[in-house]
Amino acid sequence: MMKELAVLEERYKLKITCSLEDEPLGTAGPIRLAKELILKDNTEGLLFVFNSDVICNYPLEKLIEFHKSHGKEGTIMVTEVKDPSKYGVVVADEKTQKI
């Protein structure tokens, strides 16, 4: 996995750090484990969080552009699925895109 991350770091000119749980700590457990790294190295104020059980092509450049354009604290990228009971539901206003 680290070899693949190094390729992505080089391609996108960014630093990727993995936070791994020794035991399940809940939805944001690994983020909490990496709190000091996030606060120390986050000069641009950007942080991506991915679910490790989802593999796909993310439009990261478009996501950053969208995030910076609205000036708010956070941006969540979601997709529609047939059965949301496994993932949860995000309710958003289609006009404002606010959750």
N, C-alpha and C. Protein backbone atom coordinates (compact mmCIF):
# COMPACT_ATOMS: atom_id res chain seq x y z
N MET A 1 0.82 -1.19 0.00
CA MET A 1 0.00 0.00 0.00
C MET A 1 0.87 1.26 0.00
N MET A 2 1.95 1.26 0.72
CA MET A 2 2.78 2.46 0.83
C MET A 2 3.39 2.84 -0.52
N LYS A 3 3.71 1.84 -1.35
CA LYS A 3 4.26 2.12 -2.67
C LYS A 3 3.23 2.87 -3.52
N GLU A 4 1.97 2.45 -3.45
CA GLU A 4 0.90 3.10 -4.19
C GLU A 4 0.70 4.54 -3.71
N LEU A 5 0.77 4.75 -2.40
CA LEU A 5 0.61 6.09 -1.85
C LEU A 5 1.74 7.01 -2.29
N ALA A 6 2.95 6.47 -2.38
CA ALA A 6 4.09 7.27 -2.84
C ALA A 6 3.88 7.73 -4.28
N VAL A 7 3.31 6.88 -5.10
CA VAL A 7 3.01 7.25 -6.49
C VAL A 7 2.01 8.40 -6.52
N LEU A 8 0.97 8.32 -5.68
CA LEU A 8 -0.03 9.39 -5.63
C LEU A 8 0.55 10.69 -5.07
N GLU A 9 1.42 10.57 -4.08
CA GLU A 9 2.07 11.77 -3.54
C GLU A 9 2.85 12.50 -4.62
N GLU A 10 3.59 11.75 -5.40
CA GLU A 10 4.39 12.34 -6.47
C GLU A 10 3.49 12.94 -7.55
N ARG A 11 2.46 12.22 -7.95
CA ARG A 11 1.57 12.69 -9.02
C ARG A 11 0.86 13.98 -8.63
N TYR A 12 0.35 14.04 -7.40
CA TYR A 12 -0.46 15.20 -6.98
C TYR A 12 0.31 16.22 -6.14
N LYS A 13 1.60 15.96 -5.95
CA LYS A 13 2.45 16.89 -5.19
C LYS A 13 1.85 17.20 -3.82
N LEU A 14 1.55 16.15 -3.07
CA LEU A 14 1.01 16.30 -1.72
C LEU A 14 1.55 15.21 -0.82
N LYS A 15 1.33 15.37 0.47
CA LYS A 15 1.79 14.41 1.47
C LYS A 15 0.60 13.58 1.92
N ILE A 16 0.72 12.26 1.87
CA ILE A 16 -0.33 11.35 2.30
C ILE A 16 0.15 10.62 3.54
N THR A 17 -0.66 10.64 4.59
CA THR A 17 -0.35 9.93 5.83
C THR A 17 -1.51 9.01 6.16
N CYS A 18 -1.22 7.77 6.48
CA CYS A 18 -2.26 6.82 6.87
C CYS A 18 -2.33 6.74 8.38
N SER A 19 -3.54 6.74 8.89
CA SER A 19 -3.78 6.55 10.32
C SER A 19 -4.52 5.24 10.47
N LEU A 20 -3.90 4.27 11.11
CA LEU A 20 -4.49 2.94 11.23
C LEU A 20 -4.86 2.64 12.67
N GLU A 21 -6.04 2.07 12.85
CA GLU A 21 -6.51 1.71 14.19
C GLU A 21 -5.99 0.33 14.59
N ASP A 22 -5.59 0.16 15.82
CA ASP A 22 -5.28 -1.17 16.35
C ASP A 22 -6.57 -1.89 16.71
N GLU A 23 -7.58 -1.12 17.09
CA GLU A 23 -8.92 -1.65 17.39
C GLU A 23 -9.92 -0.61 16.88
N PRO A 24 -11.14 -1.05 16.53
CA PRO A 24 -12.13 -0.11 16.01
C PRO A 24 -12.42 1.02 16.99
N LEU A 25 -12.28 2.26 16.50
CA LEU A 25 -12.48 3.43 17.34
C LEU A 25 -13.66 4.29 16.88
N GLY A 26 -14.46 3.77 15.98
CA GLY A 26 -15.61 4.52 15.50
C GLY A 26 -15.32 5.23 14.19
N THR A 27 -16.30 5.98 13.74
CA THR A 27 -16.24 6.61 12.42
C THR A 27 -15.01 7.48 12.21
N ALA A 28 -14.65 8.29 13.17
CA ALA A 28 -13.52 9.20 12.99
C ALA A 28 -12.32 8.83 13.85
N GLY A 29 -12.26 7.60 14.31
CA GLY A 29 -11.17 7.16 15.17
C GLY A 29 -9.79 7.40 14.60
N PRO A 30 -9.52 7.00 13.35
CA PRO A 30 -8.19 7.23 12.78
C PRO A 30 -7.85 8.71 12.62
N ILE A 31 -8.85 9.54 12.40
CA ILE A 31 -8.59 10.98 12.30
C ILE A 31 -8.14 11.51 13.65
N ARG A 32 -8.79 11.06 14.70
CA ARG A 32 -8.41 11.48 16.06
C ARG A 32 -6.98 11.02 16.37
N LEU A 33 -6.62 9.82 15.93
CA LEU A 33 -5.26 9.32 16.15
C LEU A 33 -4.23 10.21 15.45
N ALA A 34 -4.62 10.82 14.34
CA ALA A 34 -3.69 11.64 13.56
C ALA A 34 -3.85 13.13 13.84
N LYS A 35 -4.54 13.49 14.89
CA LYS A 35 -4.84 14.90 15.18
C LYS A 35 -3.60 15.79 15.14
N GLU A 36 -2.53 15.39 15.82
CA GLU A 36 -1.34 16.22 15.89
C GLU A 36 -0.73 16.43 14.50
N LEU A 37 -0.68 15.37 13.70
CA LEU A 37 -0.15 15.49 12.34
C LEU A 37 -1.01 16.42 11.49
N ILE A 38 -2.31 16.29 11.63
CA ILE A 38 -3.24 17.12 10.85
C ILE A 38 -3.05 18.59 11.19
N LEU A 39 -2.99 18.90 12.46
CA LEU A 39 -2.87 20.29 12.88
C LEU A 39 -1.49 20.86 12.55
N LYS A 40 -0.45 20.05 12.68
CA LYS A 40 0.92 20.52 12.48
C LYS A 40 1.23 20.79 11.01
N ASP A 41 0.88 19.89 10.14
CA ASP A 41 1.29 19.95 8.74
C ASP A 41 0.25 20.54 7.79
N ASN A 42 -0.86 20.99 8.31
CA ASN A 42 -1.96 21.42 7.46
C ASN A 42 -1.90 22.92 7.21
N THR A 43 -0.94 23.36 6.41
CA THR A 43 -0.75 24.79 6.16
C THR A 43 -1.84 25.38 5.27
N GLU A 44 -2.44 24.57 4.40
CA GLU A 44 -3.48 25.07 3.51
C GLU A 44 -4.88 24.95 4.11
N GLY A 45 -5.00 24.24 5.22
CA GLY A 45 -6.31 24.06 5.83
C GLY A 45 -7.17 23.04 5.11
N LEU A 46 -6.56 22.18 4.30
CA LEU A 46 -7.32 21.16 3.58
C LEU A 46 -7.03 19.78 4.15
N LEU A 47 -8.07 18.96 4.23
CA LEU A 47 -7.93 17.60 4.73
C LEU A 47 -8.91 16.72 3.98
N PHE A 48 -8.42 15.65 3.36
CA PHE A 48 -9.29 14.66 2.73
C PHE A 48 -9.44 13.49 3.68
N VAL A 49 -10.64 12.98 3.81
CA VAL A 49 -10.91 11.78 4.59
C VAL A 49 -11.62 10.80 3.67
N PHE A 50 -11.09 9.58 3.56
CA PHE A 50 -11.66 8.56 2.69
C PHE A 50 -12.05 7.34 3.49
N ASN A 51 -13.12 6.67 3.10
CA ASN A 51 -13.44 5.37 3.67
C ASN A 51 -12.54 4.35 2.98
N SER A 52 -11.88 3.52 3.76
CA SER A 52 -10.91 2.59 3.19
C SER A 52 -11.57 1.42 2.47
N ASP A 53 -12.87 1.25 2.64
CA ASP A 53 -13.54 0.15 1.95
C ASP A 53 -14.13 0.60 0.61
N VAL A 54 -13.81 1.80 0.18
CA VAL A 54 -14.31 2.33 -1.09
C VAL A 54 -13.13 2.64 -1.98
N ILE A 55 -13.12 2.03 -3.15
CA ILE A 55 -12.04 2.29 -4.09
C ILE A 55 -12.67 2.79 -5.39
N CYS A 56 -12.29 3.98 -5.79
CA CYS A 56 -12.78 4.55 -7.04
C CYS A 56 -11.91 5.74 -7.40
N ASN A 57 -12.19 6.32 -8.53
CA ASN A 57 -11.48 7.53 -8.94
C ASN A 57 -12.22 8.74 -8.38
N TYR A 58 -11.56 9.49 -7.53
CA TYR A 58 -12.15 10.68 -6.95
C TYR A 58 -11.70 11.91 -7.75
N PRO A 59 -12.62 12.83 -8.05
CA PRO A 59 -12.24 14.06 -8.77
C PRO A 59 -11.66 15.08 -7.78
N LEU A 60 -10.47 14.80 -7.26
CA LEU A 60 -9.91 15.62 -6.18
C LEU A 60 -9.69 17.07 -6.59
N GLU A 61 -9.21 17.31 -7.78
CA GLU A 61 -8.97 18.70 -8.19
C GLU A 61 -10.28 19.48 -8.26
N LYS A 62 -11.34 18.86 -8.78
CA LYS A 62 -12.64 19.51 -8.84
C LYS A 62 -13.21 19.71 -7.44
N LEU A 63 -12.96 18.74 -6.56
CA LEU A 63 -13.45 18.85 -5.19
C LEU A 63 -12.77 20.02 -4.46
N ILE A 64 -11.47 20.16 -4.64
CA ILE A 64 -10.75 21.28 -4.02
C ILE A 64 -11.26 22.60 -4.59
N GLU A 65 -11.43 22.67 -5.90
CA GLU A 65 -11.93 23.89 -6.54
C GLU A 65 -13.31 24.26 -5.99
N PHE A 66 -14.19 23.28 -5.89
CA PHE A 66 -15.53 23.53 -5.35
C PHE A 66 -15.45 23.99 -3.90
N HIS A 67 -14.65 23.31 -3.11
CA HIS A 67 -14.52 23.65 -1.69
C HIS A 67 -14.03 25.09 -1.52
N LYS A 68 -13.01 25.46 -2.24
CA LYS A 68 -12.46 26.81 -2.13
C LYS A 68 -13.45 27.86 -2.63
N SER A 69 -14.30 27.50 -3.58
CA SER A 69 -15.23 28.47 -4.16
C SER A 69 -16.33 28.89 -3.21
N HIS A 70 -16.73 28.02 -2.28
CA HIS A 70 -17.84 28.39 -1.39
C HIS A 70 -17.38 28.98 -0.06
N GLY A 71 -16.11 28.82 0.28
CA GLY A 71 -15.58 29.47 1.47
C GLY A 71 -16.10 28.95 2.80
N LYS A 72 -16.72 27.82 2.82
CA LYS A 72 -17.25 27.26 4.07
C LYS A 72 -16.22 26.34 4.72
N GLU A 73 -16.57 25.81 5.88
CA GLU A 73 -15.64 25.00 6.66
C GLU A 73 -15.39 23.62 6.07
N GLY A 74 -16.40 23.01 5.46
CA GLY A 74 -16.23 21.64 4.99
C GLY A 74 -16.97 21.37 3.70
N THR A 75 -16.56 20.29 3.05
CA THR A 75 -17.20 19.80 1.84
C THR A 75 -17.27 18.29 1.95
N ILE A 76 -18.42 17.74 1.63
CA ILE A 76 -18.59 16.29 1.65
C ILE A 76 -18.99 15.84 0.26
N MET A 77 -18.26 14.87 -0.29
CA MET A 77 -18.61 14.31 -1.59
C MET A 77 -19.38 13.02 -1.34
N VAL A 78 -20.55 12.93 -1.93
CA VAL A 78 -21.38 11.74 -1.77
C VAL A 78 -21.82 11.24 -3.14
N THR A 79 -22.37 10.05 -3.15
CA THR A 79 -22.93 9.50 -4.39
C THR A 79 -24.23 8.79 -4.04
N GLU A 80 -25.08 8.69 -5.02
CA GLU A 80 -26.37 8.01 -4.82
C GLU A 80 -26.17 6.50 -4.98
N VAL A 81 -26.78 5.75 -4.09
CA VAL A 81 -26.73 4.28 -4.15
C VAL A 81 -28.14 3.73 -4.08
N LYS A 82 -28.33 2.49 -4.55
CA LYS A 82 -29.66 1.87 -4.54
C LYS A 82 -30.17 1.65 -3.13
N ASP A 83 -29.30 1.17 -2.23
CA ASP A 83 -29.72 0.87 -0.87
C ASP A 83 -28.88 1.66 0.12
N PRO A 84 -29.34 2.86 0.53
CA PRO A 84 -28.55 3.69 1.43
C PRO A 84 -28.54 3.19 2.88
N SER A 85 -29.29 2.16 3.20
CA SER A 85 -29.35 1.68 4.59
C SER A 85 -27.99 1.19 5.08
N LYS A 86 -27.11 0.79 4.17
CA LYS A 86 -25.77 0.34 4.56
C LYS A 86 -24.81 1.50 4.81
N TYR A 87 -25.16 2.68 4.30
CA TYR A 87 -24.21 3.79 4.32
C TYR A 87 -24.70 5.02 5.08
N GLY A 88 -25.98 5.21 5.13
CA GLY A 88 -26.54 6.42 5.71
C GLY A 88 -27.08 7.31 4.61
N VAL A 89 -27.73 8.36 5.02
CA VAL A 89 -28.38 9.26 4.08
C VAL A 89 -27.91 10.69 4.33
N VAL A 90 -27.60 11.39 3.27
CA VAL A 90 -27.25 12.81 3.33
C VAL A 90 -28.37 13.58 2.66
N VAL A 91 -28.99 14.49 3.38
CA VAL A 91 -30.06 15.30 2.83
C VAL A 91 -29.48 16.68 2.50
N ALA A 92 -29.60 17.08 1.24
CA ALA A 92 -29.02 18.34 0.81
C ALA A 92 -30.02 19.12 -0.02
N ASP A 93 -29.92 20.43 0.05
CA ASP A 93 -30.73 21.33 -0.77
C ASP A 93 -30.07 21.40 -2.14
N GLU A 94 -30.82 21.05 -3.19
CA GLU A 94 -30.24 21.00 -4.53
C GLU A 94 -29.80 22.38 -5.03
N LYS A 95 -30.49 23.43 -4.60
CA LYS A 95 -30.12 24.78 -5.04
C LYS A 95 -28.87 25.29 -4.36
N THR A 96 -28.82 25.16 -3.04
CA THR A 96 -27.68 25.72 -2.30
C THR A 96 -26.56 24.72 -2.08
N GLN A 97 -26.86 23.45 -2.26
CA GLN A 97 -25.93 22.34 -2.01
C GLN A 97 -25.54 22.23 -0.54
N LYS A 98 -26.32 22.85 0.33
CA LYS A 98 -26.05 22.76 1.77
C LYS A 98 -26.67 21.49 2.31
N ILE A 99 -25.95 20.87 3.24
CA ILE A 99 -26.43 19.64 3.87
C ILE A 99 -27.30 20.01 5.06
